Amino acid sequence: MASNRPSQKMDVGAALRGFGDQFRNLNPNDPSAWPAVPRYALCLAVTALVLAGLWFLWLTNSNDELESERAKEVTLRADYQKKVALAANLDLLKKQREQVQQYVTLLEKQLPSKAEMDALLSDINQAGLGRSLQFELFRPGQVSVKDYYAELPIAVRVTGRYHDIGSFAADVASLSRIVTLNNLTITPQQKDKDGTLTMDATARTYRYLDDEERAAQKRAAAPKAKK
């Protein structure tokens, strides 16, 4: 039994020396000519490097995704807090919406309908006659249709005394319907020396669109929306 131990040590030593000898004098330009052990070790090392590189890339991508998700979380939290605040003030917002609707309804009442325009023109004419003004021109122009209303310009020329013209302008401003006087020019009558003046102006009044006009507006806007 004792005689076998030295031979076993010699075999192990010889094996280690032979293993080490395989790594000597290796040609780095031709790994295929290397002994088996160095070739397998090289394959294992390359595999380990490839796996390490892939692992690093995966961790990098995962870190980018994590940062992106964290940024989304911050945005979602802010959006959630905003919606919670809106929900808490929902009753107040409903009341404000009702107030706005009432105000819009009040403004719409100041706009005549298409059928009421003749009565409004008569009111403007009566306001001038009531101040003893003489109409030299009262000519409605072309109706201009806007997005939500129609505008009618009226060319007006009246003659009368200064205070009567001023009272006429105040009466027009006090009408229940919206009427504005634009492009005012006041000139004295050259032939008369009693203080008679001539006022040229453009009276503009507005009315809301009827159902047919609104439908036409929607039809005209439909091709633009498609583009």
Protein backbone atom coordinates (compact mmCIF):
# COMPACT_ATOMS: atom_id res chain seq x y z
CA MET A 1 0.00 0.00 0.00
CA ALA A 2 2.74 2.45 0.98
CA SER A 3 4.68 1.77 -2.23
CA ASN A 4 1.80 3.07 -4.46
CA ARG A 5 1.67 6.62 -3.03
CA PRO A 6 4.86 7.96 -4.64
CA SER A 7 3.77 6.69 -8.03
CA GLN A 8 0.36 8.39 -7.66
CA LYS A 9 2.05 11.70 -6.75
CA MET A 10 4.30 11.37 -9.74
CA ASP A 11 1.33 10.72 -12.03
CA VAL A 12 -0.51 13.82 -10.73
CA GLY A 13 2.59 15.95 -11.06
CA ALA A 14 3.18 14.69 -14.54
CA ALA A 15 -0.41 15.42 -15.49
CA LEU A 16 -0.14 18.98 -14.17
CA ARG A 17 3.10 19.51 -16.02
CA GLY A 18 1.55 18.17 -19.18
CA PHE A 19 -1.47 20.43 -18.67
CA GLY A 20 0.78 23.46 -18.25
CA ASP A 21 2.92 22.48 -21.23
CA GLN A 22 -0.15 22.80 -23.48
CA PHE A 23 -0.25 26.58 -22.77
CA ARG A 24 3.37 27.13 -23.80
CA ASN A 25 4.53 28.40 -27.15
CA LEU A 26 1.00 29.01 -28.40
CA ASN A 27 0.65 30.80 -31.73
CA PRO A 28 -1.87 33.64 -31.17
CA ASN A 29 -2.45 33.92 -34.91
CA ASP A 30 -3.67 30.33 -35.28
CA PRO A 31 -5.81 29.22 -32.30
CA SER A 32 -7.04 26.24 -34.31
CA ALA A 33 -3.59 24.68 -33.99
CA TRP A 34 -3.59 24.92 -30.20
CA PRO A 35 -3.89 21.82 -28.04
CA ALA A 36 -7.35 20.85 -26.83
CA VAL A 37 -7.17 22.40 -23.36
CA PRO A 38 -6.16 25.94 -24.52
CA ARG A 39 -8.74 25.80 -27.30
CA TYR A 40 -11.52 24.87 -24.91
CA ALA A 41 -10.36 27.50 -22.42
CA LEU A 42 -10.42 30.13 -25.18
CA CYS A 43 -13.93 29.08 -26.19
CA LEU A 44 -15.09 29.32 -22.59
CA ALA A 45 -13.49 32.76 -22.20
CA VAL A 46 -15.10 34.09 -25.41
CA THR A 47 -18.45 32.65 -24.36
CA ALA A 48 -18.14 34.28 -20.97
CA LEU A 49 -17.26 37.65 -22.55
CA VAL A 50 -20.21 37.42 -24.94
CA LEU A 51 -22.57 36.52 -22.11
CA ALA A 52 -21.18 39.35 -19.98
CA GLY A 53 -21.66 41.82 -22.85
CA LEU A 54 -25.23 40.68 -23.47
CA TRP A 55 -25.95 40.89 -19.76
CA PHE A 56 -24.56 44.42 -19.64
CA LEU A 57 -26.67 45.50 -22.63
CA TRP A 58 -29.77 43.95 -21.09
CA LEU A 59 -29.13 45.74 -17.82
CA THR A 60 -28.62 49.03 -19.68
CA ASN A 61 -31.89 48.66 -21.60
CA SER A 62 -33.67 47.61 -18.43
CA ASN A 63 -32.34 50.67 -16.65
CA ASP A 64 -33.58 52.94 -19.47
CA GLU A 65 -37.00 51.30 -19.30
CA LEU A 66 -37.02 51.70 -15.54
CA GLU A 67 -36.23 55.41 -15.81
CA SER A 68 -38.92 55.82 -18.46
CA GLU A 69 -41.48 54.09 -16.29
CA ARG A 70 -40.49 56.25 -13.33
CA ALA A 71 -41.03 59.38 -15.43
CA LYS A 72 -44.45 58.04 -16.46
CA GLU A 73 -45.26 57.42 -12.83
CA VAL A 74 -44.51 61.07 -11.99
CA THR A 75 -46.73 62.25 -14.87
CA LEU A 76 -49.55 59.91 -13.90
CA ARG A 77 -49.35 61.01 -10.27
CA ALA A 78 -49.59 64.67 -11.29
CA ASP A 79 -52.51 63.90 -13.61
CA TYR A 80 -54.22 61.94 -10.86
CA GLN A 81 -53.83 64.78 -8.38
CA LYS A 82 -55.21 67.24 -10.92
CA LYS A 83 -58.24 65.04 -11.57
CA VAL A 84 -58.79 64.57 -7.85
CA ALA A 85 -58.80 68.36 -7.44
CA LEU A 86 -61.28 68.72 -10.30
CA ALA A 87 -63.51 66.04 -8.83
CA ALA A 88 -63.45 67.84 -5.48
CA ASN A 89 -64.53 71.08 -7.20
CA LEU A 90 -67.05 69.42 -9.52
CA ASP A 91 -70.10 71.01 -7.89
CA LEU A 92 -68.50 74.45 -8.04
CA LEU A 93 -67.59 73.96 -11.70
CA LYS A 94 -71.15 72.91 -12.50
CA LYS A 95 -72.50 76.08 -10.88
CA GLN A 96 -70.01 78.20 -12.84
CA ARG A 97 -71.04 76.43 -16.04
CA GLU A 98 -74.69 77.20 -15.34
CA GLN A 99 -73.82 80.85 -14.72
CA VAL A 100 -71.91 81.03 -18.01
CA GLN A 101 -74.83 79.44 -19.86
CA GLN A 102 -77.22 81.95 -18.33
CA TYR A 103 -74.92 84.79 -19.36
CA VAL A 104 -74.67 83.44 -22.92
CA THR A 105 -78.47 83.13 -23.06
CA LEU A 106 -78.76 86.75 -21.90
CA LEU A 107 -76.39 87.89 -24.63
CA GLU A 108 -78.24 85.87 -27.26
CA LYS A 109 -81.45 87.63 -26.30
CA GLN A 110 -79.77 90.91 -27.27
CA LEU A 111 -79.27 89.55 -30.77
CA PRO A 112 -82.38 89.69 -32.92
CA SER A 113 -83.46 86.82 -35.07
CA LYS A 114 -83.70 87.06 -38.84
CA ALA A 115 -87.40 87.81 -38.61
CA GLU A 116 -86.84 90.61 -36.09
CA MET A 117 -84.33 92.55 -38.17
CA ASP A 118 -87.00 94.67 -39.89
CA ALA A 119 -88.36 95.76 -36.50
CA LEU A 120 -84.84 96.68 -35.35
CA LEU A 121 -84.23 98.80 -38.47
CA SER A 122 -87.53 100.55 -37.77
CA ASP A 123 -86.41 101.22 -34.17
CA ILE A 124 -83.19 102.87 -35.41
CA ASN A 125 -85.18 105.00 -37.85
CA GLN A 126 -87.68 106.01 -35.15
CA ALA A 127 -84.82 106.94 -32.80
CA GLY A 128 -83.62 109.49 -35.35
CA LEU A 129 -87.07 110.83 -36.13
CA GLY A 130 -87.78 111.13 -32.43
CA ARG A 131 -84.84 113.52 -32.12
CA SER A 132 -86.07 115.64 -35.05
CA LEU A 133 -83.27 114.44 -37.30
CA GLN A 134 -83.65 114.25 -41.04
CA PHE A 135 -82.47 111.05 -42.70
CA GLU A 136 -80.70 111.67 -45.97
CA LEU A 137 -79.41 108.10 -46.19
CA PHE A 138 -80.49 104.87 -44.52
CA ARG A 139 -79.19 101.96 -46.58
CA PRO A 140 -78.69 98.42 -45.20
CA GLY A 141 -75.67 96.69 -46.69
CA GLN A 142 -74.75 93.09 -47.40
CA VAL A 143 -75.15 90.65 -44.53
CA SER A 144 -71.82 89.15 -43.44
CA VAL A 145 -72.17 85.69 -41.92
CA LYS A 146 -69.61 84.85 -39.23
CA ASP A 147 -69.03 81.63 -37.30
CA TYR A 148 -71.81 82.16 -34.75
CA TYR A 149 -73.64 85.30 -35.84
CA ALA A 150 -74.50 87.52 -38.81
CA GLU A 151 -73.51 91.17 -39.11
CA LEU A 152 -75.55 93.79 -40.97
CA PRO A 153 -73.93 97.17 -41.77
CA ILE A 154 -76.24 100.15 -42.35
CA ALA A 155 -75.01 103.35 -44.00
CA VAL A 156 -76.61 106.28 -42.18
CA ARG A 157 -76.57 110.04 -42.90
CA VAL A 158 -78.64 112.37 -40.77
CA THR A 159 -78.79 116.12 -40.37
CA GLY A 160 -79.76 118.04 -37.28
CA ARG A 161 -78.44 119.98 -34.35
CA TYR A 162 -75.46 118.87 -32.33
CA HIS A 163 -77.37 117.89 -29.19
CA ASP A 164 -80.02 116.07 -31.19
CA ILE A 165 -77.35 114.01 -32.96
CA GLY A 166 -75.74 113.21 -29.61
CA SER A 167 -79.10 112.16 -28.16
CA PHE A 168 -79.73 109.98 -31.22
CA ALA A 169 -76.40 108.18 -30.68
CA ALA A 170 -77.33 107.63 -27.01
CA ASP A 171 -80.77 106.30 -27.98
CA VAL A 172 -79.21 103.83 -30.42
CA ALA A 173 -76.82 102.62 -27.72
CA SER A 174 -79.76 102.13 -25.35
CA LEU A 175 -81.74 99.89 -27.71
CA SER A 176 -82.55 96.44 -26.36
CA ARG A 177 -80.67 94.95 -29.30
CA ILE A 178 -76.96 95.42 -29.94
CA VAL A 179 -76.30 98.28 -32.36
CA THR A 180 -72.96 100.07 -32.72
CA LEU A 181 -72.13 103.28 -34.59
CA ASN A 182 -68.82 103.17 -36.45
CA ASN A 183 -66.81 105.49 -38.70
CA LEU A 184 -68.53 108.61 -37.37
CA THR A 185 -67.92 111.88 -39.19
CA ILE A 186 -69.74 115.12 -38.32
CA THR A 187 -69.52 118.14 -40.60
CA PRO A 188 -71.34 121.50 -40.51
CA GLN A 189 -73.82 122.44 -43.20
CA GLN A 190 -72.19 125.15 -45.28
CA LYS A 191 -75.44 126.60 -46.54
CA ASP A 192 -77.13 126.82 -43.13
CA LYS A 193 -75.86 129.10 -40.43
CA ASP A 194 -78.17 127.85 -37.67
CA GLY A 195 -75.76 125.18 -36.43
CA THR A 196 -77.14 122.27 -38.47
CA LEU A 197 -74.70 119.36 -38.75
CA THR A 198 -74.47 116.29 -40.92
CA MET A 199 -73.43 112.97 -39.43
CA ASP A 200 -72.25 110.07 -41.57
CA ALA A 201 -71.87 106.73 -39.82
CA THR A 202 -72.08 103.00 -40.27
CA ALA A 203 -74.51 101.39 -37.88
CA ARG A 204 -73.74 97.74 -37.31
CA THR A 205 -76.26 95.36 -35.84
CA TYR A 206 -75.95 91.66 -35.21
CA ARG A 207 -78.27 88.70 -35.18
CA TYR A 208 -77.88 85.05 -34.39
CA LEU A 209 -77.99 82.45 -37.15
CA ASP A 210 -81.13 80.46 -37.79
CA ASP A 211 -81.14 76.67 -38.09
CA GLU A 212 -80.73 76.71 -41.88
CA GLU A 213 -77.73 79.04 -41.70
CA ARG A 214 -76.10 76.94 -38.96
CA ALA A 215 -76.58 73.82 -41.06
CA ALA A 216 -74.97 75.59 -44.02
CA GLN A 217 -72.04 76.60 -41.77
CA LYS A 218 -71.54 72.97 -40.72
CA ARG A 219 -71.65 71.76 -44.31
CA ALA A 220 -69.08 74.36 -45.34
CA ALA A 221 -66.80 73.45 -42.41
CA ALA A 222 -66.96 69.69 -43.04
CA PRO A 223 -64.52 69.62 -46.05
CA LYS A 224 -62.04 71.80 -44.15
CA ALA A 225 -62.13 69.43 -41.18
CA LYS A 226 -61.40 66.44 -43.44
CA LYS A 227 -58.30 68.16 -44.84
